[in-house]
Amino acid sequence: MNTSRTLIAVLLFLSLAAAKLPAQGQGGRSGPPPQVVDKATPEVMNADPQIEDRTQDRVGFPAHKIIGNLYYIGTVTLSSYLITTPQGNIVINSDYEETLPLMKKAIESLGFKMEDTKILLASHAHPDHQTGDAMFKQMTGAQTIFMAEDVPALQNMKPGGKEHPIDKIIHDGDKVELGGMTLTAHLTPGHTLGTTTWTFPVRDGGRTYNVVIVGAGLPDDARIVYNQGNPKAAEQWADTIATLEKLPCDVFLGAHSWFFNLTGKYKKLQANPKQNPYIDPAGYKKFVADMKTTREKLIKEQTAAGPPPPRGGGAGRGGN
């Protein structure tokens, strides 16, 4: 069958089926049918600073150039990135299967083709970032490359019974290269065992900028002490913070848009394209400093409170 015709048929099926799929990303529980929406409301687009609002996970955000050959192709809250090269492109985070039509439209609106993706990477092994991996690979043939510590979780992530594609396993400090681009994978655990922060240089306007895409954040309701699912969470977050503190950062991005205030920065970029708000080393330093403060607060509070009930109460979440 013609490849283009097959791709169109797959996307049409996904679009029609989206409203019938159970909600994903909430510990496997069923929920109301997810609504995939092409465009965010003016109220959402005007939010500054942006807050965590998971109702926006399946709502399209304007695709746009961030800097150099790096583009935003995610939703309002699920951040996905396109890195273009002369030998094909790299995508970070496939997100949900039902949002892949939004991603395809985003990539095409920028003048590129989804099927030109040669490599698929990810931030961490949770459904909101990686449920779409198998379908993405079927659509593009891209090589999937993931951190070793997240492989067991990925092997259990089988949307519609599809095996999770894992073409290459990497480790802390490994590099991914394509078309003159070199991305470095940093193991930053805590949220998942294999949470990955990606760093790479980009050229723009005759200058080189260091990009950091943070793999996960540490919210103030995370369970990091007496965590039944991950007893070493507090230590892992300490290691992650130490790693992030050492990374040189000019362009601050992350797995979720509220980490770096996507909506606010996008508005500023549209208002004044000559002054790129994504160049934000101060914002990165504050994000990491806040993470450190949150960790110390959680350790103090959760140690004083003691272990949670063994059932129905307790592990809490480990991050975003």
C-alpha atoms as a PDB file:
ATOM      1  CA  MET A   1       0.000   0.000   0.000  1.00  0.00           C
ATOM      2  CA  ASN A   2       1.167   3.550  -0.721  1.00  0.00           C
ATOM      3  CA  THR A   3       3.041   4.917   2.345  1.00  0.00           C
ATOM      4  CA  SER A   4       1.394   8.354   2.244  1.00  0.00           C
ATOM      5  CA  ARG A   5      -2.068   6.789   1.942  1.00  0.00           C
ATOM      6  CA  THR A   6      -1.328   4.514   4.893  1.00  0.00           C
ATOM      7  CA  LEU A   7      -0.149   7.448   7.000  1.00  0.00           C
ATOM      8  CA  ILE A   8      -3.253   9.480   6.211  1.00  0.00           C
ATOM      9  CA  ALA A   9      -5.482   6.532   7.086  1.00  0.00           C
ATOM     10  CA  VAL A  10      -3.722   6.038  10.418  1.00  0.00           C
ATOM     11  CA  LEU A  11      -4.041   9.707  11.351  1.00  0.00           C
ATOM     12  CA  LEU A  12      -7.709   9.792  10.370  1.00  0.00           C
ATOM     13  CA  PHE A  13      -8.360   6.758  12.529  1.00  0.00           C
ATOM     14  CA  LEU A  14      -6.589   8.374  15.486  1.00  0.00           C
ATOM     15  CA  SER A  15      -8.530  11.592  15.121  1.00  0.00           C
ATOM     16  CA  LEU A  16     -11.868   9.768  15.028  1.00  0.00           C
ATOM     17  CA  ALA A  17     -10.948   7.387  17.833  1.00  0.00           C
ATOM     18  CA  ALA A  18      -9.525   9.974  20.224  1.00  0.00           C
ATOM     19  CA  ALA A  19     -12.839  10.719  21.897  1.00  0.00           C
ATOM     20  CA  LYS A  20     -13.380   7.001  22.551  1.00  0.00           C
ATOM     21  CA  LEU A  21     -10.043   6.339  24.239  1.00  0.00           C
ATOM     22  CA  PRO A  22      -9.734   6.118  28.045  1.00  0.00           C
ATOM     23  CA  ALA A  23      -7.686   8.802  29.701  1.00  0.00           C
ATOM     24  CA  GLN A  24      -4.052   7.798  30.093  1.00  0.00           C
ATOM     25  CA  GLY A  25      -1.295   8.892  32.383  1.00  0.00           C
ATOM     26  CA  GLN A  26      -3.206   8.568  35.669  1.00  0.00           C
ATOM     27  CA  GLY A  27      -1.821   5.302  36.936  1.00  0.00           C
ATOM     28  CA  GLY A  28      -3.740   3.266  34.380  1.00  0.00           C
ATOM     29  CA  ARG A  29      -7.162   4.370  35.614  1.00  0.00           C
ATOM     30  CA  SER A  30     -10.006   4.947  33.202  1.00  0.00           C
ATOM     31  CA  GLY A  31     -11.528   8.392  32.985  1.00  0.00           C
ATOM     32  CA  PRO A  32     -13.701  10.538  30.760  1.00  0.00           C
ATOM     33  CA  PRO A  33     -12.840  10.419  27.050  1.00  0.00           C
ATOM     34  CA  PRO A  34      -9.943  12.764  26.280  1.00  0.00           C
ATOM     35  CA  GLN A  35     -10.801  15.688  24.058  1.00  0.00           C
ATOM     36  CA  VAL A  36      -8.171  16.569  21.469  1.00  0.00           C
ATOM     37  CA  VAL A  37      -8.440  20.253  20.588  1.00  0.00           C
ATOM     38  CA  ASP A  38      -6.560  22.004  17.790  1.00  0.00           C
ATOM     39  CA  LYS A  39      -6.098  25.373  19.429  1.00  0.00           C
ATOM     40  CA  ALA A  40      -5.869  26.823  22.944  1.00  0.00           C
ATOM     41  CA  THR A  41      -8.360  29.443  24.102  1.00  0.00           C
ATOM     42  CA  PRO A  42      -7.290  33.109  24.390  1.00  0.00           C
ATOM     43  CA  GLU A  43      -7.480  32.764  28.182  1.00  0.00           C
ATOM     44  CA  VAL A  44      -4.920  29.952  28.125  1.00  0.00           C
ATOM     45  CA  MET A  45      -2.686  31.747  25.635  1.00  0.00           C
ATOM     46  CA  ASN A  46      -2.715  34.870  27.801  1.00  0.00           C
ATOM     47  CA  ALA A  47      -1.741  33.038  30.988  1.00  0.00           C
ATOM     48  CA  ASP A  48       1.502  34.516  32.295  1.00  0.00           C
ATOM     49  CA  PRO A  49       3.023  33.030  34.312  1.00  0.00           C
ATOM     50  CA  GLN A  50       1.776  29.674  33.104  1.00  0.00           C
ATOM     51  CA  ILE A  51       0.484  27.247  35.733  1.00  0.00           C
ATOM     52  CA  GLU A  52       0.121  23.474  35.745  1.00  0.00           C
ATOM     53  CA  ASP A  53      -3.222  22.717  34.096  1.00  0.00           C
ATOM     54  CA  ARG A  54      -3.500  19.113  32.929  1.00  0.00           C
ATOM     55  CA  THR A  55      -6.774  19.804  31.117  1.00  0.00           C
ATOM     56  CA  GLN A  56      -4.528  21.316  28.434  1.00  0.00           C
ATOM     57  CA  ASP A  57      -2.494  18.148  27.753  1.00  0.00           C
ATOM     58  CA  ARG A  58      -4.358  17.459  24.508  1.00  0.00           C
ATOM     59  CA  VAL A  59      -4.751  21.053  23.344  1.00  0.00           C
ATOM     60  CA  GLY A  60      -2.610  22.268  20.465  1.00  0.00           C
ATOM     61  CA  PHE A  61      -0.106  25.099  20.904  1.00  0.00           C
ATOM     62  CA  PRO A  62       1.282  27.213  18.048  1.00  0.00           C
ATOM     63  CA  ALA A  63       4.321  25.481  16.571  1.00  0.00           C
ATOM     64  CA  HIS A  64       7.226  27.893  16.376  1.00  0.00           C
ATOM     65  CA  LYS A  65      10.961  28.315  16.184  1.00  0.00           C
ATOM     66  CA  ILE A  66      12.589  28.541  19.598  1.00  0.00           C
ATOM     67  CA  ILE A  67      16.134  29.235  18.458  1.00  0.00           C
ATOM     68  CA  GLY A  68      18.390  28.069  15.628  1.00  0.00           C
ATOM     69  CA  ASN A  69      17.238  24.680  14.352  1.00  0.00           C
ATOM     70  CA  LEU A  70      15.138  23.948  17.456  1.00  0.00           C
ATOM     71  CA  TYR A  71      11.324  24.153  17.319  1.00  0.00           C
ATOM     72  CA  TYR A  72       8.375  23.682  19.685  1.00  0.00           C
ATOM     73  CA  ILE A  73       5.851  21.074  18.435  1.00  0.00           C
ATOM     74  CA  GLY A  74       4.074  20.075  21.660  1.00  0.00           C
ATOM     75  CA  THR A  75       0.718  20.851  23.246  1.00  0.00           C
ATOM     76  CA  VAL A  76      -0.077  23.556  25.770  1.00  0.00           C
ATOM     77  CA  THR A  77       1.357  21.460  28.606  1.00  0.00           C
ATOM     78  CA  LEU A  78       3.204  18.485  27.060  1.00  0.00           C
ATOM     79  CA  SER A  79       6.433  19.803  25.612  1.00  0.00           C
ATOM     80  CA  SER A  80       7.772  18.177  22.450  1.00  0.00           C
ATOM     81  CA  TYR A  81      10.667  19.417  20.372  1.00  0.00           C
ATOM     82  CA  LEU A  82      11.869  19.168  16.778  1.00  0.00           C
ATOM     83  CA  ILE A  83      15.569  19.466  15.966  1.00  0.00           C
ATOM     84  CA  THR A  84      16.267  19.691  12.251  1.00  0.00           C
ATOM     85  CA  THR A  85      19.443  18.591  10.480  1.00  0.00           C
ATOM     86  CA  PRO A  86      20.537  18.055   6.850  1.00  0.00           C
ATOM     87  CA  GLN A  87      20.386  14.271   7.412  1.00  0.00           C
ATOM     88  CA  GLY A  88      16.926  14.118   8.946  1.00  0.00           C
ATOM     89  CA  ASN A  89      15.325  15.302  12.147  1.00  0.00           C
ATOM     90  CA  ILE A  90      15.134  14.466  15.850  1.00  0.00           C
ATOM     91  CA  VAL A  91      11.958  14.582  17.953  1.00  0.00           C
ATOM     92  CA  ILE A  92      11.914  14.617  21.752  1.00  0.00           C
ATOM     93  CA  ASN A  93       8.671  13.271  23.325  1.00  0.00           C
ATOM     94  CA  SER A  94       5.914  11.654  21.255  1.00  0.00           C
ATOM     95  CA  ASP A  95       3.282  12.281  23.974  1.00  0.00           C
ATOM     96  CA  TYR A  96      -0.087  10.494  23.517  1.00  0.00           C
ATOM     97  CA  GLU A  97      -1.166   8.498  20.471  1.00  0.00           C
ATOM     98  CA  GLU A  98      -4.241  10.679  20.086  1.00  0.00           C
ATOM     99  CA  THR A  99      -2.152  13.883  19.985  1.00  0.00           C
ATOM    100  CA  LEU A 100       0.081  12.675  17.149  1.00  0.00           C
ATOM    101  CA  PRO A 101      -2.171  14.345  14.530  1.00  0.00           C
ATOM    102  CA  LEU A 102      -1.540  17.635  16.363  1.00  0.00           C
ATOM    103  CA  MET A 103       2.194  16.983  16.215  1.00  0.00           C
ATOM    104  CA  LYS A 104       2.076  16.131  12.516  1.00  0.00           C
ATOM    105  CA  LYS A 105       0.192  19.348  11.820  1.00  0.00           C
ATOM    106  CA  ALA A 106       2.688  21.307  13.936  1.00  0.00           C
ATOM    107  CA  ILE A 107       5.684  19.908  12.077  1.00  0.00           C
ATOM    108  CA  GLU A 108       4.093  20.550   8.686  1.00  0.00           C
ATOM    109  CA  SER A 109       3.184  24.124   9.653  1.00  0.00           C
ATOM    110  CA  LEU A 110       6.901  24.747  10.128  1.00  0.00           C
ATOM    111  CA  GLY A 111       7.680  23.478   6.630  1.00  0.00           C
ATOM    112  CA  PHE A 112       8.991  20.037   7.614  1.00  0.00           C
ATOM    113  CA  LYS A 113       7.701  16.465   7.324  1.00  0.00           C
ATOM    114  CA  MET A 114       7.012  14.146  10.232  1.00  0.00           C
ATOM    115  CA  GLU A 115       8.261  11.169   8.222  1.00  0.00           C
ATOM    116  CA  ASP A 116      11.695  12.829   7.969  1.00  0.00           C
ATOM    117  CA  THR A 117      12.221  12.106  11.679  1.00  0.00           C
ATOM    118  CA  LYS A 118      15.195   9.767  12.047  1.00  0.00           C
ATOM    119  CA  ILE A 119      15.490   9.629  15.858  1.00  0.00           C
ATOM    120  CA  LEU A 120      12.891   9.683  18.654  1.00  0.00           C
ATOM    121  CA  LEU A 121      14.043  10.535  22.190  1.00  0.00           C
ATOM    122  CA  ALA A 122      12.144  11.159  25.435  1.00  0.00           C
ATOM    123  CA  SER A 123      12.202  12.908  28.800  1.00  0.00           C
ATOM    124  CA  HIS A 124      10.853  10.122  31.019  1.00  0.00           C
ATOM    125  CA  ALA A 125       8.829   6.910  30.877  1.00  0.00           C
ATOM    126  CA  HIS A 126       5.346   8.119  31.732  1.00  0.00           C
ATOM    127  CA  PRO A 127       2.306   7.752  29.462  1.00  0.00           C
ATOM    128  CA  ASP A 128       1.863  11.472  28.847  1.00  0.00           C
ATOM    129  CA  HIS A 129       5.288  11.605  27.197  1.00  0.00           C
ATOM    130  CA  GLN A 130       5.757   8.148  25.673  1.00  0.00           C
ATOM    131  CA  THR A 131       2.428   6.415  24.992  1.00  0.00           C
ATOM    132  CA  GLY A 132       2.781   7.546  21.392  1.00  0.00           C
ATOM    133  CA  ASP A 133       6.197   5.963  20.791  1.00  0.00           C
ATOM    134  CA  ALA A 134       5.001   2.803  19.029  1.00  0.00           C
ATOM    135  CA  MET A 135       2.598   4.673  16.753  1.00  0.00           C
ATOM    136  CA  PHE A 136       5.227   7.343  16.066  1.00  0.00           C
ATOM    137  CA  LYS A 137       7.675   4.658  14.962  1.00  0.00           C
ATOM    138  CA  GLN A 138       5.051   3.048  12.727  1.00  0.00           C
ATOM    139  CA  MET A 139       4.427   6.411  11.093  1.00  0.00           C
ATOM    140  CA  THR A 140       8.063   7.477  10.623  1.00  0.00           C
ATOM    141  CA  GLY A 141      10.409   4.514  11.010  1.00  0.00           C
ATOM    142  CA  ALA A 142      12.471   6.612  13.441  1.00  0.00           C
ATOM    143  CA  GLN A 143      15.071   4.944  15.646  1.00  0.00           C
ATOM    144  CA  THR A 144      13.936   5.023  19.286  1.00  0.00           C
ATOM    145  CA  ILE A 145      16.651   5.723  21.860  1.00  0.00           C
ATOM    146  CA  PHE A 146      15.933   5.636  25.604  1.00  0.00           C
ATOM    147  CA  MET A 147      17.749   5.667  28.958  1.00  0.00           C
ATOM    148  CA  ALA A 148      18.499   2.208  30.393  1.00  0.00           C
ATOM    149  CA  GLU A 149      16.892   2.843  33.767  1.00  0.00           C
ATOM    150  CA  ASP A 150      13.529   3.602  32.120  1.00  0.00           C
ATOM    151  CA  VAL A 151      13.468   0.480  29.942  1.00  0.00           C
ATOM    152  CA  PRO A 152      11.526  -1.737  32.416  1.00  0.00           C
ATOM    153  CA  ALA A 153       8.775   0.892  32.681  1.00  0.00           C
ATOM    154  CA  LEU A 154       8.656   1.250  28.900  1.00  0.00           C
ATOM    155  CA  GLN A 155       8.368  -2.498  28.422  1.00  0.00           C
ATOM    156  CA  ASN A 156       5.159  -2.354  30.473  1.00  0.00           C
ATOM    157  CA  MET A 157       3.774   0.550  28.420  1.00  0.00           C
ATOM    158  CA  LYS A 158       1.795  -1.156  25.650  1.00  0.00           C
ATOM    159  CA  PRO A 159      -1.015   1.031  24.306  1.00  0.00           C
ATOM    160  CA  GLY A 160      -3.494  -1.124  22.431  1.00  0.00           C
ATOM    161  CA  GLY A 161      -1.271  -4.130  23.094  1.00  0.00           C
ATOM    162  CA  LYS A 162       1.583  -2.758  20.972  1.00  0.00           C
ATOM    163  CA  GLU A 163       5.088  -3.659  22.124  1.00  0.00           C
ATOM    164  CA  HIS A 164       7.111  -0.616  23.094  1.00  0.00           C
ATOM    165  CA  PRO A 165       9.821   0.012  20.490  1.00  0.00           C
ATOM    166  CA  ILE A 166      13.277   0.230  22.061  1.00  0.00           C
ATOM    167  CA  ASP A 167      15.919   0.276  19.331  1.00  0.00           C
ATOM    168  CA  LYS A 168      18.874   1.542  21.337  1.00  0.00           C
ATOM    169  CA  ILE A 169      19.557   1.788  25.066  1.00  0.00           C
ATOM    170  CA  ILE A 170      21.749   4.597  26.374  1.00  0.00           C
ATOM    171  CA  HIS A 171      23.360   5.503  29.684  1.00  0.00           C
ATOM    172  CA  ASP A 172      24.259   8.638  31.601  1.00  0.00           C
ATOM    173  CA  GLY A 173      26.576  10.837  29.540  1.00  0.00           C
ATOM    174  CA  ASP A 174      25.984   9.058  26.235  1.00  0.00           C
ATOM    175  CA  LYS A 175      25.704  11.148  23.097  1.00  0.00           C
ATOM    176  CA  VAL A 176      23.210  10.995  20.238  1.00  0.00           C
ATOM    177  CA  GLU A 177      24.487  12.340  16.919  1.00  0.00           C
ATOM    178  CA  LEU A 178      22.759  13.191  13.658  1.00  0.00           C
ATOM    179  CA  GLY A 179      23.537  15.620  10.852  1.00  0.00           C
ATOM    180  CA  GLY A 180      26.095  17.657  12.769  1.00  0.00           C
ATOM    181  CA  MET A 181      24.019  17.819  15.971  1.00  0.00           C
ATOM    182  CA  THR A 182      25.267  16.196  19.178  1.00  0.00           C
ATOM    183  CA  LEU A 183      22.869  15.741  22.093  1.00  0.00           C
ATOM    184  CA  THR A 184      24.066  14.582  25.517  1.00  0.00           C
ATOM    185  CA  ALA A 185      21.836  12.468  27.764  1.00  0.00           C
ATOM    186  CA  HIS A 186      22.059  13.228  31.489  1.00  0.00           C
ATOM    187  CA  LEU A 187      20.494  10.774  33.938  1.00  0.00           C
ATOM    188  CA  THR A 188      18.374  12.899  36.309  1.00  0.00           C
ATOM    189  CA  PRO A 189      16.263  10.397  38.302  1.00  0.00           C
ATOM    190  CA  GLY A 190      13.641  10.946  40.966  1.00  0.00           C
ATOM    191  CA  HIS A 191      10.482  11.272  38.932  1.00  0.00           C
ATOM    192  CA  THR A 192      11.320   8.031  37.135  1.00  0.00           C
ATOM    193  CA  LEU A 193      14.450   5.944  37.457  1.00  0.00           C
ATOM    194  CA  GLY A 194      15.587   6.940  33.975  1.00  0.00           C
ATOM    195  CA  THR A 195      14.445  10.548  33.690  1.00  0.00           C
ATOM    196  CA  THR A 196      16.653  12.153  31.051  1.00  0.00           C
ATOM    197  CA  THR A 197      17.740  15.774  30.744  1.00  0.00           C
ATOM    198  CA  TRP A 198      18.992  16.610  27.256  1.00  0.00           C
ATOM    199  CA  THR A 199      21.657  19.206  26.504  1.00  0.00           C
ATOM    200  CA  PHE A 200      23.059  20.386  23.185  1.00  0.00           C
ATOM    201  CA  PRO A 201      24.461  23.500  21.511  1.00  0.00           C
ATOM    202  CA  VAL A 202      22.578  25.435  18.838  1.00  0.00           C
ATOM    203  CA  ARG A 203      23.789  28.169  16.525  1.00  0.00           C
ATOM    204  CA  ASP A 204      21.735  31.302  16.027  1.00  0.00           C
ATOM    205  CA  GLY A 205      22.730  34.742  14.769  1.00  0.00           C
ATOM    206  CA  GLY A 206      26.397  33.825  14.646  1.00  0.00           C
ATOM    207  CA  ARG A 207      26.453  32.685  18.286  1.00  0.00           C
ATOM    208  CA  THR A 208      26.348  29.324  20.062  1.00  0.00           C
ATOM    209  CA  TYR A 209      23.821  28.751  22.841  1.00  0.00           C
ATOM    210  CA  ASN A 210      23.645  25.899  25.366  1.00  0.00           C
ATOM    211  CA  VAL A 211      20.177  24.318  25.450  1.00  0.00           C
ATOM    212  CA  VAL A 212      18.917  22.386  28.489  1.00  0.00           C
ATOM    213  CA  ILE A 213      15.658  20.408  28.288  1.00  0.00           C
ATOM    214  CA  VAL A 214      14.972  19.391  31.899  1.00  0.00           C
ATOM    215  CA  GLY A 215      13.533  15.885  32.183  1.00  0.00           C
ATOM    216  CA  ALA A 216      11.218  16.443  35.170  1.00  0.00           C
ATOM    217  CA  GLY A 217      10.319  18.862  37.935  1.00  0.00           C
ATOM    218  CA  LEU A 218       9.810  18.401  41.680  1.00  0.00           C
ATOM    219  CA  PRO A 219       6.387  19.670  42.828  1.00  0.00           C
ATOM    220  CA  ASP A 220       5.598  20.458  46.439  1.00  0.00           C
ATOM    221  CA  ASP A 221       3.316  17.421  46.829  1.00  0.00           C
ATOM    222  CA  ALA A 222       5.845  14.815  45.689  1.00  0.00           C
ATOM    223  CA  ARG A 223       6.471  11.829  47.963  1.00  0.00           C
ATOM    224  CA  ILE A 224      10.251  11.543  48.339  1.00  0.00           C
ATOM    225  CA  VAL A 225      10.527  10.169  51.914  1.00  0.00           C
ATOM    226  CA  TYR A 226       9.001   6.780  52.756  1.00  0.00           C
ATOM    227  CA  ASN A 227       8.230   6.387  49.060  1.00  0.00           C
ATOM    228  CA  GLN A 228       7.054   2.795  48.821  1.00  0.00           C
ATOM    229  CA  GLY A 229       7.622   2.631  45.073  1.00  0.00           C
ATOM    230  CA  ASN A 230      11.029   4.305  45.121  1.00  0.00           C
ATOM    231  CA  PRO A 231      12.773   4.236  48.538  1.00  0.00           C
ATOM    232  CA  LYS A 232      15.782   6.143  47.160  1.00  0.00           C
ATOM    233  CA  ALA A 233      13.774   9.070  45.789  1.00  0.00           C
ATOM    234  CA  ALA A 234      15.239  11.683  48.149  1.00  0.00           C
ATOM    235  CA  GLU A 235      18.795  10.665  47.297  1.00  0.00           C
ATOM    236  CA  GLN A 236      18.005  10.549  43.592  1.00  0.00           C
ATOM    237  CA  TRP A 237      16.616  14.072  43.681  1.00  0.00           C
ATOM    238  CA  ALA A 238      19.779  15.241  45.449  1.00  0.00           C
ATOM    239  CA  ASP A 239      21.876  13.739  42.654  1.00  0.00           C
ATOM    240  CA  THR A 240      19.608  15.254  40.014  1.00  0.00           C
ATOM    241  CA  ILE A 241      19.812  18.729  41.526  1.00  0.00           C
ATOM    242  CA  ALA A 242      23.603  18.456  41.722  1.00  0.00           C
ATOM    243  CA  THR A 243      23.708  17.469  38.047  1.00  0.00           C
ATOM    244  CA  LEU A 244      21.428  20.307  36.961  1.00  0.00           C
ATOM    245  CA  GLU A 245      23.424  22.852  38.954  1.00  0.00           C
ATOM    246  CA  LYS A 246      26.526  21.998  36.921  1.00  0.00           C
ATOM    247  CA  LEU A 247      24.978  22.272  33.466  1.00  0.00           C
ATOM    248  CA  PRO A 248      25.703  25.445  31.497  1.00  0.00           C
ATOM    249  CA  CYS A 249      22.372  26.823  30.310  1.00  0.00           C
ATOM    250  CA  ASP A 250      21.432  29.650  27.983  1.00  0.00           C
ATOM    251  CA  VAL A 251      18.122  28.292  26.648  1.00  0.00           C
ATOM    252  CA  PHE A 252      15.921  26.811  29.378  1.00  0.00           C
ATOM    253  CA  LEU A 253      13.236  24.271  28.364  1.00  0.00           C
ATOM    254  CA  GLY A 254      11.593  21.239  29.938  1.00  0.00           C
ATOM    255  CA  ALA A 255       9.299  18.237  29.644  1.00  0.00           C
ATOM    256  CA  HIS A 256       6.320  20.357  30.697  1.00  0.00           C
ATOM    257  CA  SER A 257       5.622  23.875  29.522  1.00  0.00           C
ATOM    258  CA  TRP A 258       4.980  25.438  32.919  1.00  0.00           C
ATOM    259  CA  PHE A 259       8.584  24.686  33.938  1.00  0.00           C
ATOM    260  CA  PHE A 260       9.774  27.509  31.690  1.00  0.00           C
ATOM    261  CA  ASN A 261       6.551  29.542  31.161  1.00  0.00           C
ATOM    262  CA  LEU A 262       5.958  28.633  27.530  1.00  0.00           C
ATOM    263  CA  THR A 263       2.897  30.820  27.070  1.00  0.00           C
ATOM    264  CA  GLY A 264       4.557  33.899  28.526  1.00  0.00           C
ATOM    265  CA  LYS A 265       7.720  33.478  26.485  1.00  0.00           C
ATOM    266  CA  TYR A 266       5.813  32.749  23.290  1.00  0.00           C
ATOM    267  CA  LYS A 267       3.853  35.988  23.681  1.00  0.00           C
ATOM    268  CA  LYS A 268       7.055  37.948  24.264  1.00  0.00           C
ATOM    269  CA  LEU A 269       8.670  36.359  21.210  1.00  0.00           C
ATOM    270  CA  GLN A 270       5.721  37.327  19.020  1.00  0.00           C
ATOM    271  CA  ALA A 271       5.791  40.881  20.349  1.00  0.00           C
ATOM    272  CA  ASN A 272       9.547  41.315  19.899  1.00  0.00           C
ATOM    273  CA  PRO A 273      11.242  38.645  17.737  1.00  0.00           C
ATOM    274  CA  LYS A 274      14.613  40.384  18.026  1.00  0.00           C
ATOM    275  CA  GLN A 275      14.801  39.715  21.769  1.00  0.00           C
ATOM    276  CA  ASN A 276      14.506  35.973  22.356  1.00  0.00           C
ATOM    277  CA  PRO A 277      12.883  35.261  25.761  1.00  0.00           C
ATOM    278  CA  TYR A 278      13.892  31.609  25.599  1.00  0.00           C
ATOM    279  CA  ILE A 279      17.435  32.733  26.325  1.00  0.00           C
ATOM    280  CA  ASP A 280      16.900  32.618  30.063  1.00  0.00           C
ATOM    281  CA  PRO A 281      19.864  31.471  32.181  1.00  0.00           C
ATOM    282  CA  ALA A 282      18.423  33.248  35.224  1.00  0.00           C
ATOM    283  CA  GLY A 283      15.136  31.372  34.869  1.00  0.00           C
ATOM    284  CA  TYR A 284      17.015  28.078  34.753  1.00  0.00           C
ATOM    285  CA  LYS A 285      19.005  28.880  37.888  1.00  0.00           C
ATOM    286  CA  LYS A 286      15.818  29.827  39.725  1.00  0.00           C
ATOM    287  CA  PHE A 287      14.090  26.617  38.615  1.00  0.00           C
ATOM    288  CA  VAL A 288      16.934  24.486  39.992  1.00  0.00           C
ATOM    289  CA  ALA A 289      17.195  26.554  43.183  1.00  0.00           C
ATOM    290  CA  ASP A 290      13.450  26.182  43.765  1.00  0.00           C
ATOM    291  CA  MET A 291      13.785  22.438  43.234  1.00  0.00           C
ATOM    292  CA  LYS A 292      16.479  22.315  45.911  1.00  0.00           C
ATOM    293  CA  THR A 293      14.320  24.290  48.347  1.00  0.00           C
ATOM    294  CA  THR A 294      11.327  22.042  47.648  1.00  0.00           C
ATOM    295  CA  ARG A 295      13.380  18.907  48.285  1.00  0.00           C
ATOM    296  CA  GLU A 296      14.585  20.185  51.666  1.00  0.00           C
ATOM    297  CA  LYS A 297      11.037  21.176  52.642  1.00  0.00           C
ATOM    298  CA  LEU A 298       9.600  17.802  51.644  1.00  0.00           C
ATOM    299  CA  ILE A 299      12.260  15.873  53.553  1.00  0.00           C
ATOM    300  CA  LYS A 300      11.592  17.893  56.700  1.00  0.00           C
ATOM    301  CA  GLU A 301       7.801  17.596  56.490  1.00  0.00           C
ATOM    302  CA  GLN A 302       7.611  13.943  55.459  1.00  0.00           C
ATOM    303  CA  THR A 303      10.228  12.784  57.959  1.00  0.00           C
ATOM    304  CA  ALA A 304       8.302  14.490  60.762  1.00  0.00           C
ATOM    305  CA  ALA A 305       4.991  12.997  59.602  1.00  0.00           C
ATOM    306  CA  GLY A 306       6.315   9.449  59.439  1.00  0.00           C
ATOM    307  CA  PRO A 307       5.475   6.694  56.944  1.00  0.00           C
ATOM    308  CA  PRO A 308       2.184   6.933  55.041  1.00  0.00           C
ATOM    309  CA  PRO A 309      -0.460   4.200  55.365  1.00  0.00           C
ATOM    310  CA  PRO A 310       0.621   1.004  53.590  1.00  0.00           C
ATOM    311  CA  ARG A 311      -2.493   1.054  51.400  1.00  0.00           C
ATOM    312  CA  GLY A 312      -4.548   3.785  49.799  1.00  0.00           C
ATOM    313  CA  GLY A 313      -2.507   6.721  50.782  1.00  0.00           C
ATOM    314  CA  GLY A 314       0.499   6.831  50.163  1.00  0.00           C
ATOM    315  CA  ALA A 315       3.261   6.900  47.659  1.00  0.00           C
ATOM    316  CA  GLY A 316       2.304  10.282  46.229  1.00  0.00           C
ATOM    317  CA  ARG A 317       3.845  11.438  42.999  1.00  0.00           C
ATOM    318  CA  GLY A 318       7.534  11.830  42.388  1.00  0.00           C
ATOM    319  CA  GLY A 319       7.469  14.872  40.143  1.00  0.00           C
ATOM    320  CA  ASN A 320       6.098  16.209  36.860  1.00  0.00           C
END
